[in-house]
Amino acid sequence: MKYIILAVLSILISTSVSARETNSMRSSGELVNVGDRESDLLRKMGKSYPRYFIHREGRRSCEATEYVYEIDMQIYTVLVCNGKIFRIDVNNK
């Protein structure tokens, strides 16, 4: 019985912290999609506190910027590389 309770708790914990990738996000009627320019993101969603880092994917790398937005009890993390959005992750708060 202890193991069943432990298994259920571990499943609940693991699903609550996992992020999922999405193609778009919306706030106040404004839609931002993967592939949009960074300037469009900032104009539509407003400026957040960016985090700068080097993104490496295989042999390619670029200077990336991460923006975090909290919208309707969800946290969106937008990753920008070479001036274009290449990934949007969403977590439940």
PDB file of N, CA and C in Angstrom:
ATOM      1  N   MET A   1       0.821  -1.196   0.000  1.00  0.00           N
ATOM      2  CA  MET A   1       0.000   0.000   0.000  1.00  0.00           C
ATOM      3  C   MET A   1       0.867   1.262   0.000  1.00  0.00           C
ATOM      4  N   LYS A   2       1.982   1.221   0.756  1.00  0.00           N
ATOM      5  CA  LYS A   2       2.883   2.370   0.782  1.00  0.00           C
ATOM      6  C   LYS A   2       3.441   2.649  -0.608  1.00  0.00           C
ATOM      7  N   TYR A   3       3.742   1.589  -1.348  1.00  0.00           N
ATOM      8  CA  TYR A   3       4.340   1.760  -2.668  1.00  0.00           C
ATOM      9  C   TYR A   3       3.351   2.354  -3.669  1.00  0.00           C
ATOM     10  N   ILE A   4       2.089   2.012  -3.520  1.00  0.00           N
ATOM     11  CA  ILE A   4       1.075   2.582  -4.409  1.00  0.00           C
ATOM     12  C   ILE A   4       0.936   4.078  -4.158  1.00  0.00           C
ATOM     13  N   ILE A   5       0.885   4.468  -2.894  1.00  0.00           N
ATOM     14  CA  ILE A   5       0.787   5.890  -2.546  1.00  0.00           C
ATOM     15  C   ILE A   5       2.029   6.634  -3.025  1.00  0.00           C
ATOM     16  N   LEU A   6       3.188   6.045  -2.839  1.00  0.00           N
ATOM     17  CA  LEU A   6       4.435   6.658  -3.286  1.00  0.00           C
ATOM     18  C   LEU A   6       4.453   6.811  -4.806  1.00  0.00           C
ATOM     19  N   ALA A   7       3.977   5.811  -5.525  1.00  0.00           N
ATOM     20  CA  ALA A   7       3.939   5.885  -6.985  1.00  0.00           C
ATOM     21  C   ALA A   7       2.999   6.990  -7.455  1.00  0.00           C
ATOM     22  N   VAL A   8       1.830   7.093  -6.845  1.00  0.00           N
ATOM     23  CA  VAL A   8       0.871   8.134  -7.221  1.00  0.00           C
ATOM     24  C   VAL A   8       1.447   9.517  -6.939  1.00  0.00           C
ATOM     25  N   LEU A   9       2.074   9.698  -5.792  1.00  0.00           N
ATOM     26  CA  LEU A   9       2.677  10.994  -5.462  1.00  0.00           C
ATOM     27  C   LEU A   9       3.796  11.354  -6.431  1.00  0.00           C
ATOM     28  N   SER A  10       4.626  10.403  -6.791  1.00  0.00           N
ATOM     29  CA  SER A  10       5.724  10.702  -7.710  1.00  0.00           C
ATOM     30  C   SER A  10       5.204  11.063  -9.096  1.00  0.00           C
ATOM     31  N   ILE A  11       4.118  10.434  -9.532  1.00  0.00           N
ATOM     32  CA  ILE A  11       3.525  10.789 -10.824  1.00  0.00           C
ATOM     33  C   ILE A  11       2.951  12.199 -10.776  1.00  0.00           C
ATOM     34  N   LEU A  12       2.266  12.534  -9.698  1.00  0.00           N
ATOM     35  CA  LEU A  12       1.697  13.878  -9.569  1.00  0.00           C
ATOM     36  C   LEU A  12       2.779  14.942  -9.543  1.00  0.00           C
ATOM     37  N   ILE A  13       3.849  14.685  -8.840  1.00  0.00           N
ATOM     38  CA  ILE A  13       4.946  15.650  -8.753  1.00  0.00           C
ATOM     39  C   ILE A  13       5.624  15.808 -10.104  1.00  0.00           C
ATOM     40  N   SER A  14       5.880  14.712 -10.797  1.00  0.00           N
ATOM     41  CA  SER A  14       6.596  14.793 -12.068  1.00  0.00           C
ATOM     42  C   SER A  14       5.770  15.481 -13.145  1.00  0.00           C
ATOM     43  N   THR A  15       4.461  15.319 -13.144  1.00  0.00           N
ATOM     44  CA  THR A  15       3.648  15.980 -14.165  1.00  0.00           C
ATOM     45  C   THR A  15       3.463  17.457 -13.877  1.00  0.00           C
ATOM     46  N   SER A  16       3.559  17.874 -12.640  1.00  0.00           N
ATOM     47  CA  SER A  16       3.343  19.281 -12.327  1.00  0.00           C
ATOM     48  C   SER A  16       4.550  20.146 -12.648  1.00  0.00           C
ATOM     49  N   VAL A  17       5.734  19.576 -12.753  1.00  0.00           N
ATOM     50  CA  VAL A  17       6.917  20.379 -13.023  1.00  0.00           C
ATOM     51  C   VAL A  17       7.406  20.255 -14.460  1.00  0.00           C
ATOM     52  N   SER A  18       6.786  19.418 -15.258  1.00  0.00           N
ATOM     53  CA  SER A  18       7.255  19.251 -16.623  1.00  0.00           C
ATOM     54  C   SER A  18       6.688  20.348 -17.516  1.00  0.00           C
ATOM     55  N   ALA A  19       7.544  20.870 -18.372  1.00  0.00           N
ATOM     56  CA  ALA A  19       7.122  21.900 -19.316  1.00  0.00           C
ATOM     57  C   ALA A  19       6.720  21.233 -20.625  1.00  0.00           C
ATOM     58  N   ARG A  20       5.844  21.897 -21.338  1.00  0.00           N
ATOM     59  CA  ARG A  20       5.508  21.397 -22.661  1.00  0.00           C
ATOM     60  C   ARG A  20       5.772  22.509 -23.663  1.00  0.00           C
ATOM     61  N   GLU A  21       6.113  22.100 -24.855  1.00  0.00           N
ATOM     62  CA  GLU A  21       6.430  23.057 -25.904  1.00  0.00           C
ATOM     63  C   GLU A  21       5.160  23.391 -26.681  1.00  0.00           C
ATOM     64  N   THR A  22       5.020  24.649 -27.049  1.00  0.00           N
ATOM     65  CA  THR A  22       3.862  25.089 -27.823  1.00  0.00           C
ATOM     66  C   THR A  22       4.347  25.944 -28.988  1.00  0.00           C
ATOM     67  N   ASN A  23       3.466  26.217 -29.928  1.00  0.00           N
ATOM     68  CA  ASN A  23       3.837  27.009 -31.099  1.00  0.00           C
ATOM     69  C   ASN A  23       3.443  28.474 -30.990  1.00  0.00           C
ATOM     70  N   SER A  24       2.590  28.804 -29.998  1.00  0.00           N
ATOM     71  CA  SER A  24       2.129  30.188 -29.895  1.00  0.00           C
ATOM     72  C   SER A  24       1.693  30.503 -28.475  1.00  0.00           C
ATOM     73  N   MET A  25       1.529  31.793 -28.214  1.00  0.00           N
ATOM     74  CA  MET A  25       0.988  32.265 -26.943  1.00  0.00           C
ATOM     75  C   MET A  25       0.171  33.518 -27.216  1.00  0.00           C
ATOM     76  N   ARG A  26      -0.829  33.752 -26.367  1.00  0.00           N
ATOM     77  CA  ARG A  26      -1.733  34.885 -26.583  1.00  0.00           C
ATOM     78  C   ARG A  26      -1.918  35.653 -25.277  1.00  0.00           C
ATOM     79  N   SER A  27      -1.944  36.978 -25.399  1.00  0.00           N
ATOM     80  CA  SER A  27      -2.242  37.842 -24.265  1.00  0.00           C
ATOM     81  C   SER A  27      -2.887  39.112 -24.786  1.00  0.00           C
ATOM     82  N   SER A  28      -3.997  39.495 -24.190  1.00  0.00           N
ATOM     83  CA  SER A  28      -4.713  40.723 -24.565  1.00  0.00           C
ATOM     84  C   SER A  28      -5.021  40.762 -26.059  1.00  0.00           C
ATOM     85  N   GLY A  29      -5.359  39.627 -26.630  1.00  0.00           N
ATOM     86  CA  GLY A  29      -5.711  39.585 -28.041  1.00  0.00           C
ATOM     87  C   GLY A  29      -4.535  39.555 -28.986  1.00  0.00           C
ATOM     88  N   GLU A  30      -3.331  39.621 -28.468  1.00  0.00           N
ATOM     89  CA  GLU A  30      -2.129  39.589 -29.305  1.00  0.00           C
ATOM     90  C   GLU A  30      -1.581  38.169 -29.354  1.00  0.00           C
ATOM     91  N   LEU A  31      -1.231  37.699 -30.542  1.00  0.00           N
ATOM     92  CA  LEU A  31      -0.728  36.346 -30.736  1.00  0.00           C
ATOM     93  C   LEU A  31       0.733  36.401 -31.152  1.00  0.00           C
ATOM     94  N   VAL A  32       1.561  35.588 -30.493  1.00  0.00           N
ATOM     95  CA  VAL A  32       2.976  35.477 -30.817  1.00  0.00           C
ATOM     96  C   VAL A  32       3.238  34.024 -31.189  1.00  0.00           C
ATOM     97  N   ASN A  33       3.905  33.804 -32.323  1.00  0.00           N
ATOM     98  CA  ASN A  33       4.174  32.460 -32.825  1.00  0.00           C
ATOM     99  C   ASN A  33       5.668  32.188 -32.911  1.00  0.00           C
ATOM    100  N   VAL A  34       6.013  30.909 -32.930  1.00  0.00           N
ATOM    101  CA  VAL A  34       7.389  30.513 -33.227  1.00  0.00           C
ATOM    102  C   VAL A  34       7.696  31.000 -34.642  1.00  0.00           C
ATOM    103  N   GLY A  35       8.844  31.629 -34.824  1.00  0.00           N
ATOM    104  CA  GLY A  35       9.221  32.191 -36.118  1.00  0.00           C
ATOM    105  C   GLY A  35       9.031  33.692 -36.202  1.00  0.00           C
ATOM    106  N   ASP A  36       8.266  34.282 -35.268  1.00  0.00           N
ATOM    107  CA  ASP A  36       8.096  35.735 -35.236  1.00  0.00           C
ATOM    108  C   ASP A  36       9.399  36.404 -34.815  1.00  0.00           C
ATOM    109  N   ARG A  37       9.528  37.681 -35.140  1.00  0.00           N
ATOM    110  CA  ARG A  37      10.724  38.433 -34.772  1.00  0.00           C
ATOM    111  C   ARG A  37      10.688  38.831 -33.295  1.00  0.00           C
ATOM    112  N   GLU A  38      11.859  39.052 -32.738  1.00  0.00           N
ATOM    113  CA  GLU A  38      11.977  39.473 -31.340  1.00  0.00           C
ATOM    114  C   GLU A  38      11.287  40.817 -31.125  1.00  0.00           C
ATOM    115  N   SER A  39      11.388  41.714 -32.082  1.00  0.00           N
ATOM    116  CA  SER A  39      10.734  43.022 -31.951  1.00  0.00           C
ATOM    117  C   SER A  39       9.212  42.878 -31.881  1.00  0.00           C
ATOM    118  N   ASP A  40       8.642  41.909 -32.620  1.00  0.00           N
ATOM    119  CA  ASP A  40       7.197  41.656 -32.538  1.00  0.00           C
ATOM    120  C   ASP A  40       6.818  41.159 -31.150  1.00  0.00           C
ATOM    121  N   LEU A  41       7.633  40.273 -30.597  1.00  0.00           N
ATOM    122  CA  LEU A  41       7.391  39.759 -29.241  1.00  0.00           C
ATOM    123  C   LEU A  41       7.361  40.898 -28.234  1.00  0.00           C
ATOM    124  N   LEU A  42       8.354  41.763 -28.274  1.00  0.00           N
ATOM    125  CA  LEU A  42       8.446  42.857 -27.306  1.00  0.00           C
ATOM    126  C   LEU A  42       7.321  43.872 -27.503  1.00  0.00           C
ATOM    127  N   ARG A  43       6.916  44.119 -28.730  1.00  0.00           N
ATOM    128  CA  ARG A  43       5.823  45.052 -29.006  1.00  0.00           C
ATOM    129  C   ARG A  43       4.491  44.489 -28.517  1.00  0.00           C
ATOM    130  N   LYS A  44       4.256  43.210 -28.740  1.00  0.00           N
ATOM    131  CA  LYS A  44       2.970  42.602 -28.388  1.00  0.00           C
ATOM    132  C   LYS A  44       2.867  42.228 -26.915  1.00  0.00           C
ATOM    133  N   MET A  45       3.941  41.713 -26.332  1.00  0.00           N
ATOM    134  CA  MET A  45       3.885  41.169 -24.975  1.00  0.00           C
ATOM    135  C   MET A  45       4.524  42.082 -23.938  1.00  0.00           C
ATOM    136  N   GLY A  46       5.294  43.053 -24.362  1.00  0.00           N
ATOM    137  CA  GLY A  46       5.977  43.922 -23.413  1.00  0.00           C
ATOM    138  C   GLY A  46       7.338  43.360 -23.047  1.00  0.00           C
ATOM    139  N   LYS A  47       8.129  44.192 -22.451  1.00  0.00           N
ATOM    140  CA  LYS A  47       9.495  43.810 -22.084  1.00  0.00           C
ATOM    141  C   LYS A  47       9.475  43.062 -20.764  1.00  0.00           C
ATOM    142  N   SER A  48      10.171  41.951 -20.711  1.00  0.00           N
ATOM    143  CA  SER A  48      10.394  41.262 -19.443  1.00  0.00           C
ATOM    144  C   SER A  48      11.893  41.306 -19.174  1.00  0.00           C
ATOM    145  N   TYR A  49      12.319  40.700 -18.095  1.00  0.00           N
ATOM    146  CA  TYR A  49      13.742  40.696 -17.771  1.00  0.00           C
ATOM    147  C   TYR A  49      14.420  39.577 -18.551  1.00  0.00           C
ATOM    148  N   PRO A  50      15.209  39.922 -19.569  1.00  0.00           N
ATOM    149  CA  PRO A  50      15.817  38.880 -20.396  1.00  0.00           C
ATOM    150  C   PRO A  50      16.996  38.205 -19.702  1.00  0.00           C
ATOM    151  N   ARG A  51      17.219  36.971 -20.100  1.00  0.00           N
ATOM    152  CA  ARG A  51      18.393  36.218 -19.663  1.00  0.00           C
ATOM    153  C   ARG A  51      19.141  35.829 -20.927  1.00  0.00           C
ATOM    154  N   TYR A  52      20.434  36.108 -20.961  1.00  0.00           N
ATOM    155  CA  TYR A  52      21.245  35.849 -22.141  1.00  0.00           C
ATOM    156  C   TYR A  52      22.106  34.618 -21.898  1.00  0.00           C
ATOM    157  N   PHE A  53      22.236  33.784 -22.926  1.00  0.00           N
ATOM    158  CA  PHE A  53      23.054  32.581 -22.820  1.00  0.00           C
ATOM    159  C   PHE A  53      23.421  32.104 -24.220  1.00  0.00           C
ATOM    160  N   ILE A  54      24.333  31.145 -24.283  1.00  0.00           N
ATOM    161  CA  ILE A  54      24.714  30.526 -25.552  1.00  0.00           C
ATOM    162  C   ILE A  54      23.895  29.255 -25.710  1.00  0.00           C
ATOM    163  N   HIS A  55      23.119  29.186 -26.790  1.00  0.00           N
ATOM    164  CA  HIS A  55      22.302  27.994 -27.074  1.00  0.00           C
ATOM    165  C   HIS A  55      23.072  27.123 -28.059  1.00  0.00           C
ATOM    166  N   ARG A  56      23.266  25.875 -27.694  1.00  0.00           N
ATOM    167  CA  ARG A  56      23.965  24.928 -28.565  1.00  0.00           C
ATOM    168  C   ARG A  56      23.013  23.816 -28.967  1.00  0.00           C
ATOM    169  N   GLU A  57      22.966  23.559 -30.251  1.00  0.00           N
ATOM    170  CA  GLU A  57      22.157  22.465 -30.777  1.00  0.00           C
ATOM    171  C   GLU A  57      22.996  21.763 -31.834  1.00  0.00           C
ATOM    172  N   GLY A  58      23.524  20.607 -31.460  1.00  0.00           N
ATOM    173  CA  GLY A  58      24.437  19.915 -32.363  1.00  0.00           C
ATOM    174  C   GLY A  58      25.708  20.724 -32.524  1.00  0.00           C
ATOM    175  N   ARG A  59      26.073  21.006 -33.763  1.00  0.00           N
ATOM    176  CA  ARG A  59      27.275  21.804 -34.023  1.00  0.00           C
ATOM    177  C   ARG A  59      26.981  23.294 -34.069  1.00  0.00           C
ATOM    178  N   ARG A  60      25.727  23.646 -34.130  1.00  0.00           N
ATOM    179  CA  ARG A  60      25.349  25.059 -34.213  1.00  0.00           C
ATOM    180  C   ARG A  60      25.239  25.675 -32.823  1.00  0.00           C
ATOM    181  N   SER A  61      25.559  26.939 -32.759  1.00  0.00           N
ATOM    182  CA  SER A  61      25.360  27.682 -31.513  1.00  0.00           C
ATOM    183  C   SER A  61      25.010  29.127 -31.864  1.00  0.00           C
ATOM    184  N   CYS A  62      24.313  29.773 -30.951  1.00  0.00           N
ATOM    185  CA  CYS A  62      23.972  31.183 -31.155  1.00  0.00           C
ATOM    186  C   CYS A  62      23.816  31.850 -29.796  1.00  0.00           C
ATOM    187  N   GLU A  63      23.881  33.164 -29.808  1.00  0.00           N
ATOM    188  CA  GLU A  63      23.631  33.938 -28.600  1.00  0.00           C
ATOM    189  C   GLU A  63      22.124  34.076 -28.464  1.00  0.00           C
ATOM    190  N   ALA A  64      21.555  33.407 -27.476  1.00  0.00           N
ATOM    191  CA  ALA A  64      20.099  33.361 -27.316  1.00  0.00           C
ATOM    192  C   ALA A  64      19.655  34.264 -26.174  1.00  0.00           C
ATOM    193  N   THR A  65      18.390  34.634 -26.229  1.00  0.00           N
ATOM    194  CA  THR A  65      17.755  35.435 -25.189  1.00  0.00           C
ATOM    195  C   THR A  65      16.507  34.706 -24.729  1.00  0.00           C
ATOM    196  N   GLU A  66      16.304  34.683 -23.414  1.00  0.00           N
ATOM    197  CA  GLU A  66      15.132  34.033 -22.833  1.00  0.00           C
ATOM    198  C   GLU A  66      14.262  35.091 -22.166  1.00  0.00           C
ATOM    199  N   TYR A  67      12.982  35.111 -22.533  1.00  0.00           N
ATOM    200  CA  TYR A  67      12.001  35.998 -21.911  1.00  0.00           C
ATOM    201  C   TYR A  67      10.963  35.136 -21.203  1.00  0.00           C
ATOM    202  N   VAL A  68      10.541  35.558 -20.015  1.00  0.00           N
ATOM    203  CA  VAL A  68       9.546  34.811 -19.244  1.00  0.00           C
ATOM    204  C   VAL A  68       8.334  35.712 -19.018  1.00  0.00           C
ATOM    205  N   TYR A  69       7.150  35.177 -19.328  1.00  0.00           N
ATOM    206  CA  TYR A  69       5.888  35.901 -19.154  1.00  0.00           C
ATOM    207  C   TYR A  69       4.927  35.040 -18.351  1.00  0.00           C
ATOM    208  N   GLU A  70       4.193  35.668 -17.436  1.00  0.00           N
ATOM    209  CA  GLU A  70       3.162  34.987 -16.656  1.00  0.00           C
ATOM    210  C   GLU A  70       1.804  35.446 -17.174  1.00  0.00           C
ATOM    211  N   ILE A  71       1.050  34.498 -17.749  1.00  0.00           N
ATOM    212  CA  ILE A  71      -0.243  34.808 -18.351  1.00  0.00           C
ATOM    213  C   ILE A  71      -1.259  33.774 -17.880  1.00  0.00           C
ATOM    214  N   ASP A  72      -2.328  34.225 -17.234  1.00  0.00           N
ATOM    215  CA  ASP A  72      -3.442  33.348 -16.835  1.00  0.00           C
ATOM    216  C   ASP A  72      -2.975  32.075 -16.135  1.00  0.00           C
ATOM    217  N   MET A  73      -2.248  32.206 -15.070  1.00  0.00           N
ATOM    218  CA  MET A  73      -1.801  31.070 -14.254  1.00  0.00           C
ATOM    219  C   MET A  73      -0.867  30.118 -15.004  1.00  0.00           C
ATOM    220  N   GLN A  74      -0.233  30.600 -16.062  1.00  0.00           N
ATOM    221  CA  GLN A  74       0.751  29.813 -16.785  1.00  0.00           C
ATOM    222  C   GLN A  74       1.992  30.662 -16.991  1.00  0.00           C
ATOM    223  N   ILE A  75       3.134  29.999 -17.006  1.00  0.00           N
ATOM    224  CA  ILE A  75       4.403  30.686 -17.210  1.00  0.00           C
ATOM    225  C   ILE A  75       4.943  30.281 -18.576  1.00  0.00           C
ATOM    226  N   TYR A  76       5.096  31.274 -19.452  1.00  0.00           N
ATOM    227  CA  TYR A  76       5.612  31.047 -20.797  1.00  0.00           C
ATOM    228  C   TYR A  76       7.078  31.467 -20.834  1.00  0.00           C
ATOM    229  N   THR A  77       7.916  30.603 -21.361  1.00  0.00           N
ATOM    230  CA  THR A  77       9.327  30.899 -21.559  1.00  0.00           C
ATOM    231  C   THR A  77       9.573  30.950 -23.059  1.00  0.00           C
ATOM    232  N   VAL A  78       9.981  32.114 -23.545  1.00  0.00           N
ATOM    233  CA  VAL A  78      10.179  32.327 -24.976  1.00  0.00           C
ATOM    234  C   VAL A  78      11.677  32.425 -25.233  1.00  0.00           C
ATOM    235  N   LEU A  79      12.170  31.594 -26.145  1.00  0.00           N
ATOM    236  CA  LEU A  79      13.588  31.585 -26.491  1.00  0.00           C
ATOM    237  C   LEU A  79      13.776  32.186 -27.876  1.00  0.00           C
ATOM    238  N   VAL A  80      14.708  33.142 -27.963  1.00  0.00           N
ATOM    239  CA  VAL A  80      14.966  33.874 -29.197  1.00  0.00           C
ATOM    240  C   VAL A  80      16.418  33.669 -29.595  1.00  0.00           C
ATOM    241  N   CYS A  81      16.633  33.365 -30.872  1.00  0.00           N
ATOM    242  CA  CYS A  81      17.990  33.189 -31.394  1.00  0.00           C
ATOM    243  C   CYS A  81      18.068  33.899 -32.744  1.00  0.00           C
ATOM    244  N   ASN A  82      19.083  34.700 -32.937  1.00  0.00           N
ATOM    245  CA  ASN A  82      19.265  35.470 -34.171  1.00  0.00           C
ATOM    246  C   ASN A  82      18.040  36.323 -34.504  1.00  0.00           C
ATOM    247  N   GLY A  83      17.407  36.883 -33.477  1.00  0.00           N
ATOM    248  CA  GLY A  83      16.293  37.793 -33.681  1.00  0.00           C
ATOM    249  C   GLY A  83      14.955  37.138 -33.965  1.00  0.00           C
ATOM    250  N   LYS A  84      14.888  35.791 -33.920  1.00  0.00           N
ATOM    251  CA  LYS A  84      13.627  35.087 -34.181  1.00  0.00           C
ATOM    252  C   LYS A  84      13.302  34.137 -33.045  1.00  0.00           C
ATOM    253  N   ILE A  85      12.010  34.007 -32.753  1.00  0.00           N
ATOM    254  CA  ILE A  85      11.561  33.069 -31.726  1.00  0.00           C
ATOM    255  C   ILE A  85      11.718  31.658 -32.274  1.00  0.00           C
ATOM    256  N   PHE A  86      12.438  30.799 -31.536  1.00  0.00           N
ATOM    257  CA  PHE A  86      12.589  29.426 -32.003  1.00  0.00           C
ATOM    258  C   PHE A  86      11.945  28.410 -31.070  1.00  0.00           C
ATOM    259  N   ARG A  87      11.498  28.847 -29.892  1.00  0.00           N
ATOM    260  CA  ARG A  87      10.863  27.902 -28.976  1.00  0.00           C
ATOM    261  C   ARG A  87      10.022  28.654 -27.953  1.00  0.00           C
ATOM    262  N   ILE A  88       8.854  28.084 -27.632  1.00  0.00           N
ATOM    263  CA  ILE A  88       7.992  28.609 -26.573  1.00  0.00           C
ATOM    264  C   ILE A  88       7.613  27.437 -25.680  1.00  0.00           C
ATOM    265  N   ASP A  89       7.976  27.513 -24.408  1.00  0.00           N
ATOM    266  CA  ASP A  89       7.615  26.492 -23.423  1.00  0.00           C
ATOM    267  C   ASP A  89       6.557  27.066 -22.493  1.00  0.00           C
ATOM    268  N   VAL A  90       5.670  26.194 -22.009  1.00  0.00           N
ATOM    269  CA  VAL A  90       4.628  26.637 -21.082  1.00  0.00           C
ATOM    270  C   VAL A  90       4.593  25.691 -19.890  1.00  0.00           C
ATOM    271  N   ASN A  91       4.522  26.278 -18.700  1.00  0.00           N
ATOM    272  CA  ASN A  91       4.398  25.547 -17.437  1.00  0.00           C
ATOM    273  C   ASN A  91       3.159  26.036 -16.717  1.00  0.00           C
ATOM    274  N   ASN A  92       2.474  25.126 -16.046  1.00  0.00           N
ATOM    275  CA  ASN A  92       1.373  25.540 -15.184  1.00  0.00           C
ATOM    276  C   ASN A  92       1.953  26.083 -13.899  1.00  0.00           C
ATOM    277  N   LYS A  93       1.332  27.108 -13.372  1.00  0.00           N
ATOM    278  CA  LYS A  93       1.828  27.745 -12.152  1.00  0.00           C
ATOM    279  C   LYS A  93       1.446  26.949 -10.942  1.00  0.00           C
TER     280      LYS A  93
END
